[in-house]
Amino acid sequence: MPAPFTIETGKETGLVQIGVIPKPLILCALAAINPVTGLVDGGSDVTYLTTTPALGGNTLSYNGHTYLARLQSNPIEQIQAQSPQGYDIPGSINLVIADGDFSIWTNHANAFGWRGGTLTVTFVLWDIPSNTYSTNAYVWTFILDKPNIDPPGVIKVSAQARQSMTRL
């Protein structure tokens, strides 16, 4: 079993025991507003998405949740474009979600509505051979706008940073 590693040590030195640098992993959780409470809470519908499939598969497990490999856009690139360090909170972010079977649209986005819900973007490093993750993560939180779907089954949704002065 490889030793625990952080994002900082993993990206700089790689994991010596296996001779590879861990892969960046972007995880997105889209939580709709609970229609009973009017809040994003334990009763909210949550959709878990990632850009990276697990070893060629279509899902990945992290922190007890199963993430579907459906993201076509890379939210981290949008975040990094905002500052040289890449740790700032951008004013907004855009997701492009592959949904050729319309299951995400039918069962989540259209059924519950994402507008006003929460988008949580998590960045970790993933050591694929041992299926371990960095012990730390960077997390950004956004407020979702109304999603739109294109005819070929592509959902586009933007989100505003919770601390965005524009939103306030």
C-alpha atoms as a PDB file:
ATOM      1  CA  MET A   1       0.000   0.000   0.000  1.00  0.00           C
ATOM      2  CA  PRO A   2       1.477   3.386  -0.998  1.00  0.00           C
ATOM      3  CA  ALA A   3       2.156   6.013   1.640  1.00  0.00           C
ATOM      4  CA  PRO A   4      -0.384   8.828   1.958  1.00  0.00           C
ATOM      5  CA  PHE A   5       0.383  11.874  -0.179  1.00  0.00           C
ATOM      6  CA  THR A   6      -0.872  15.443  -0.549  1.00  0.00           C
ATOM      7  CA  ILE A   7      -1.640  17.351  -3.728  1.00  0.00           C
ATOM      8  CA  GLU A   8       1.529  19.385  -3.280  1.00  0.00           C
ATOM      9  CA  THR A   9       3.874  16.415  -2.785  1.00  0.00           C
ATOM     10  CA  GLY A  10       2.128  14.275  -5.381  1.00  0.00           C
ATOM     11  CA  LYS A  11       2.343  16.841  -8.170  1.00  0.00           C
ATOM     12  CA  GLU A  12       5.954  17.798  -7.457  1.00  0.00           C
ATOM     13  CA  THR A  13       7.623  14.468  -6.831  1.00  0.00           C
ATOM     14  CA  GLY A  14       5.168  11.800  -7.894  1.00  0.00           C
ATOM     15  CA  LEU A  15       4.828   8.608  -5.949  1.00  0.00           C
ATOM     16  CA  VAL A  16       8.284   7.073  -5.730  1.00  0.00           C
ATOM     17  CA  GLN A  17       6.982   3.611  -4.866  1.00  0.00           C
ATOM     18  CA  ILE A  18       5.287   3.223  -8.247  1.00  0.00           C
ATOM     19  CA  GLY A  19       7.260   5.742 -10.300  1.00  0.00           C
ATOM     20  CA  VAL A  20       4.264   7.661 -11.651  1.00  0.00           C
ATOM     21  CA  ILE A  21       2.745  11.034 -10.956  1.00  0.00           C
ATOM     22  CA  PRO A  22      -0.860  10.810  -9.713  1.00  0.00           C
ATOM     23  CA  LYS A  23      -3.572  11.909 -12.126  1.00  0.00           C
ATOM     24  CA  PRO A  24      -5.550  15.126 -11.462  1.00  0.00           C
ATOM     25  CA  LEU A  25      -9.175  14.298 -10.747  1.00  0.00           C
ATOM     26  CA  ILE A  26     -12.063  16.752 -10.928  1.00  0.00           C
ATOM     27  CA  LEU A  27     -15.256  15.834  -9.094  1.00  0.00           C
ATOM     28  CA  CYS A  28     -18.481  17.834  -9.294  1.00  0.00           C
ATOM     29  CA  ALA A  29     -21.540  17.471  -7.077  1.00  0.00           C
ATOM     30  CA  LEU A  30     -24.658  19.279  -8.311  1.00  0.00           C
ATOM     31  CA  ALA A  31     -27.278  19.547  -5.556  1.00  0.00           C
ATOM     32  CA  ALA A  32     -30.813  20.716  -6.323  1.00  0.00           C
ATOM     33  CA  ILE A  33     -32.903  22.676  -3.852  1.00  0.00           C
ATOM     34  CA  ASN A  34     -35.058  20.382  -1.701  1.00  0.00           C
ATOM     35  CA  PRO A  35     -38.691  21.197  -2.676  1.00  0.00           C
ATOM     36  CA  VAL A  36     -39.893  20.501   0.893  1.00  0.00           C
ATOM     37  CA  THR A  37     -37.452  22.708   2.807  1.00  0.00           C
ATOM     38  CA  GLY A  38     -36.466  25.154   0.049  1.00  0.00           C
ATOM     39  CA  LEU A  39     -32.794  24.558   0.912  1.00  0.00           C
ATOM     40  CA  VAL A  40     -29.903  22.466  -0.326  1.00  0.00           C
ATOM     41  CA  ASP A  41     -29.839  19.881   2.461  1.00  0.00           C
ATOM     42  CA  GLY A  42     -29.887  16.139   3.159  1.00  0.00           C
ATOM     43  CA  GLY A  43     -33.143  15.755   1.203  1.00  0.00           C
ATOM     44  CA  SER A  44     -31.759  17.356  -1.954  1.00  0.00           C
ATOM     45  CA  ASP A  45     -31.243  15.435  -5.172  1.00  0.00           C
ATOM     46  CA  VAL A  46     -27.485  15.285  -5.840  1.00  0.00           C
ATOM     47  CA  THR A  47     -25.813  14.377  -9.141  1.00  0.00           C
ATOM     48  CA  TYR A  48     -22.139  13.345  -8.985  1.00  0.00           C
ATOM     49  CA  LEU A  49     -20.033  13.870 -12.126  1.00  0.00           C
ATOM     50  CA  THR A  50     -16.355  13.585 -13.073  1.00  0.00           C
ATOM     51  CA  THR A  51     -14.190  14.089 -16.128  1.00  0.00           C
ATOM     52  CA  THR A  52     -12.218  10.906 -15.511  1.00  0.00           C
ATOM     53  CA  PRO A  53     -13.545   7.371 -15.895  1.00  0.00           C
ATOM     54  CA  ALA A  54     -12.135   4.704 -13.609  1.00  0.00           C
ATOM     55  CA  LEU A  55      -9.690   2.702 -15.736  1.00  0.00           C
ATOM     56  CA  GLY A  56     -11.817   2.982 -18.869  1.00  0.00           C
ATOM     57  CA  GLY A  57     -15.104   2.573 -16.999  1.00  0.00           C
ATOM     58  CA  ASN A  58     -17.937   5.034 -16.783  1.00  0.00           C
ATOM     59  CA  THR A  59     -18.018   5.582 -13.012  1.00  0.00           C
ATOM     60  CA  LEU A  60     -15.596   6.324 -10.190  1.00  0.00           C
ATOM     61  CA  SER A  61     -16.042   6.009  -6.418  1.00  0.00           C
ATOM     62  CA  TYR A  62     -14.724   8.685  -4.064  1.00  0.00           C
ATOM     63  CA  ASN A  63     -15.689   9.442  -0.455  1.00  0.00           C
ATOM     64  CA  GLY A  64     -18.635   7.043  -0.586  1.00  0.00           C
ATOM     65  CA  HIS A  65     -20.202   8.527  -3.730  1.00  0.00           C
ATOM     66  CA  THR A  66     -20.298   7.189  -7.277  1.00  0.00           C
ATOM     67  CA  TYR A  67     -19.341   9.764  -9.895  1.00  0.00           C
ATOM     68  CA  LEU A  68     -20.475   9.392 -13.513  1.00  0.00           C
ATOM     69  CA  ALA A  69     -17.795  10.205 -16.100  1.00  0.00           C
ATOM     70  CA  ARG A  70     -19.927  12.682 -18.036  1.00  0.00           C
ATOM     71  CA  LEU A  71     -18.139  16.048 -17.791  1.00  0.00           C
ATOM     72  CA  GLN A  72     -16.865  17.274 -21.150  1.00  0.00           C
ATOM     73  CA  SER A  73     -15.455  20.537 -19.845  1.00  0.00           C
ATOM     74  CA  ASN A  74     -12.638  20.911 -17.334  1.00  0.00           C
ATOM     75  CA  PRO A  75     -13.715  23.303 -14.551  1.00  0.00           C
ATOM     76  CA  ILE A  76     -10.181  23.462 -13.107  1.00  0.00           C
ATOM     77  CA  GLU A  77      -8.898  25.127 -16.296  1.00  0.00           C
ATOM     78  CA  GLN A  78     -11.543  27.815 -15.823  1.00  0.00           C
ATOM     79  CA  ILE A  79     -10.538  28.277 -12.179  1.00  0.00           C
ATOM     80  CA  GLN A  80      -6.811  28.430 -12.961  1.00  0.00           C
ATOM     81  CA  ALA A  81      -7.381  31.036 -15.661  1.00  0.00           C
ATOM     82  CA  GLN A  82      -8.473  33.436 -12.926  1.00  0.00           C
ATOM     83  CA  SER A  83      -5.123  33.596 -11.104  1.00  0.00           C
ATOM     84  CA  PRO A  84      -1.510  32.451 -11.474  1.00  0.00           C
ATOM     85  CA  GLN A  85      -1.813  30.238  -8.391  1.00  0.00           C
ATOM     86  CA  GLY A  86      -5.150  28.749  -9.446  1.00  0.00           C
ATOM     87  CA  TYR A  87      -6.574  28.950  -5.938  1.00  0.00           C
ATOM     88  CA  ASP A  88      -8.778  32.012  -6.320  1.00  0.00           C
ATOM     89  CA  ILE A  89     -12.515  31.750  -6.619  1.00  0.00           C
ATOM     90  CA  PRO A  90     -13.603  32.687 -10.137  1.00  0.00           C
ATOM     91  CA  GLY A  91     -16.769  34.727 -10.569  1.00  0.00           C
ATOM     92  CA  SER A  92     -18.392  31.977 -12.602  1.00  0.00           C
ATOM     93  CA  ILE A  93     -17.838  28.557 -14.094  1.00  0.00           C
ATOM     94  CA  ASN A  94     -19.445  26.589 -16.957  1.00  0.00           C
ATOM     95  CA  LEU A  95     -20.050  22.849 -17.179  1.00  0.00           C
ATOM     96  CA  VAL A  96     -20.689  20.843 -20.333  1.00  0.00           C
ATOM     97  CA  ILE A  97     -22.246  17.466 -19.511  1.00  0.00           C
ATOM     98  CA  ALA A  98     -22.575  14.545 -21.945  1.00  0.00           C
ATOM     99  CA  ASP A  99     -26.098  13.149 -21.635  1.00  0.00           C
ATOM    100  CA  GLY A 100     -26.768  11.213 -24.836  1.00  0.00           C
ATOM    101  CA  ASP A 101     -29.252   8.946 -23.052  1.00  0.00           C
ATOM    102  CA  PHE A 102     -30.955  11.987 -21.427  1.00  0.00           C
ATOM    103  CA  SER A 103     -30.880  10.238 -18.032  1.00  0.00           C
ATOM    104  CA  ILE A 104     -29.283  13.149 -16.164  1.00  0.00           C
ATOM    105  CA  TRP A 105     -31.677  15.617 -17.784  1.00  0.00           C
ATOM    106  CA  THR A 106     -34.762  13.476 -17.140  1.00  0.00           C
ATOM    107  CA  ASN A 107     -33.944  12.232 -13.639  1.00  0.00           C
ATOM    108  CA  HIS A 108     -32.120  15.230 -12.180  1.00  0.00           C
ATOM    109  CA  ALA A 109     -31.754  18.561 -14.034  1.00  0.00           C
ATOM    110  CA  ASN A 110     -35.297  18.818 -15.411  1.00  0.00           C
ATOM    111  CA  ALA A 111     -37.034  16.801 -12.695  1.00  0.00           C
ATOM    112  CA  PHE A 112     -35.672  18.778  -9.717  1.00  0.00           C
ATOM    113  CA  GLY A 113     -34.282  21.905 -11.337  1.00  0.00           C
ATOM    114  CA  TRP A 114     -30.739  22.959 -10.607  1.00  0.00           C
ATOM    115  CA  ARG A 115     -31.301  26.724 -10.609  1.00  0.00           C
ATOM    116  CA  GLY A 116     -30.355  28.069  -7.183  1.00  0.00           C
ATOM    117  CA  GLY A 117     -28.803  24.745  -6.204  1.00  0.00           C
ATOM    118  CA  THR A 118     -25.172  24.196  -5.279  1.00  0.00           C
ATOM    119  CA  LEU A 119     -22.236  23.084  -7.428  1.00  0.00           C
ATOM    120  CA  THR A 120     -19.271  21.793  -5.431  1.00  0.00           C
ATOM    121  CA  VAL A 121     -16.067  21.324  -7.451  1.00  0.00           C
ATOM    122  CA  THR A 122     -13.415  19.168  -5.760  1.00  0.00           C
ATOM    123  CA  PHE A 123      -9.859  18.706  -7.011  1.00  0.00           C
ATOM    124  CA  VAL A 124      -7.746  15.760  -5.791  1.00  0.00           C
ATOM    125  CA  LEU A 125      -4.879  13.688  -7.146  1.00  0.00           C
ATOM    126  CA  TRP A 126      -5.589  10.043  -7.899  1.00  0.00           C
ATOM    127  CA  ASP A 127      -3.030   7.241  -7.886  1.00  0.00           C
ATOM    128  CA  ILE A 128      -4.669   4.887 -10.372  1.00  0.00           C
ATOM    129  CA  PRO A 129      -2.702   1.645  -9.731  1.00  0.00           C
ATOM    130  CA  SER A 130      -3.391   1.658  -5.986  1.00  0.00           C
ATOM    131  CA  ASN A 131      -6.748   3.493  -6.282  1.00  0.00           C
ATOM    132  CA  THR A 132      -5.743   5.982  -3.571  1.00  0.00           C
ATOM    133  CA  TYR A 133      -6.324   9.710  -3.403  1.00  0.00           C
ATOM    134  CA  SER A 134      -4.408  12.670  -2.032  1.00  0.00           C
ATOM    135  CA  THR A 135      -5.099  13.280   1.634  1.00  0.00           C
ATOM    136  CA  ASN A 136      -6.110  16.869   0.920  1.00  0.00           C
ATOM    137  CA  ALA A 137      -8.394  18.454  -1.659  1.00  0.00           C
ATOM    138  CA  TYR A 138      -9.210  21.893  -3.023  1.00  0.00           C
ATOM    139  CA  VAL A 139     -12.918  22.697  -2.970  1.00  0.00           C
ATOM    140  CA  TRP A 140     -14.891  25.525  -4.604  1.00  0.00           C
ATOM    141  CA  THR A 141     -18.625  26.145  -4.187  1.00  0.00           C
ATOM    142  CA  PHE A 142     -20.937  27.830  -6.693  1.00  0.00           C
ATOM    143  CA  ILE A 143     -24.642  28.647  -7.102  1.00  0.00           C
ATOM    144  CA  LEU A 144     -26.152  26.928 -10.162  1.00  0.00           C
ATOM    145  CA  ASP A 145     -28.047  28.712 -12.924  1.00  0.00           C
ATOM    146  CA  LYS A 146     -30.781  27.169 -15.055  1.00  0.00           C
ATOM    147  CA  PRO A 147     -29.467  24.272 -17.177  1.00  0.00           C
ATOM    148  CA  ASN A 148     -30.034  24.028 -20.927  1.00  0.00           C
ATOM    149  CA  ILE A 149     -29.929  20.932 -23.117  1.00  0.00           C
ATOM    150  CA  ASP A 150     -28.955  20.708 -26.774  1.00  0.00           C
ATOM    151  CA  PRO A 151     -30.668  18.222 -29.126  1.00  0.00           C
ATOM    152  CA  PRO A 152     -27.736  15.754 -29.228  1.00  0.00           C
ATOM    153  CA  GLY A 153     -27.949  15.407 -25.439  1.00  0.00           C
ATOM    154  CA  VAL A 154     -25.453  17.934 -24.104  1.00  0.00           C
ATOM    155  CA  ILE A 155     -26.401  19.790 -20.927  1.00  0.00           C
ATOM    156  CA  LYS A 156     -24.839  23.187 -20.369  1.00  0.00           C
ATOM    157  CA  VAL A 157     -25.048  24.850 -16.989  1.00  0.00           C
ATOM    158  CA  SER A 158     -23.222  27.822 -15.546  1.00  0.00           C
ATOM    159  CA  ALA A 159     -22.720  28.703 -11.912  1.00  0.00           C
ATOM    160  CA  GLN A 160     -21.771  31.812  -9.966  1.00  0.00           C
ATOM    161  CA  ALA A 161     -19.325  31.804  -7.068  1.00  0.00           C
ATOM    162  CA  ARG A 162     -21.034  32.006  -3.682  1.00  0.00           C
ATOM    163  CA  GLN A 163     -18.802  34.964  -2.800  1.00  0.00           C
ATOM    164  CA  SER A 164     -19.159  36.647  -6.195  1.00  0.00           C
ATOM    165  CA  MET A 165     -19.607  40.395  -5.848  1.00  0.00           C
ATOM    166  CA  THR A 166     -21.640  40.329  -9.068  1.00  0.00           C
ATOM    167  CA  ARG A 167     -24.100  37.884  -7.524  1.00  0.00           C
ATOM    168  CA  LEU A 168     -24.306  39.861  -4.269  1.00  0.00           C
END
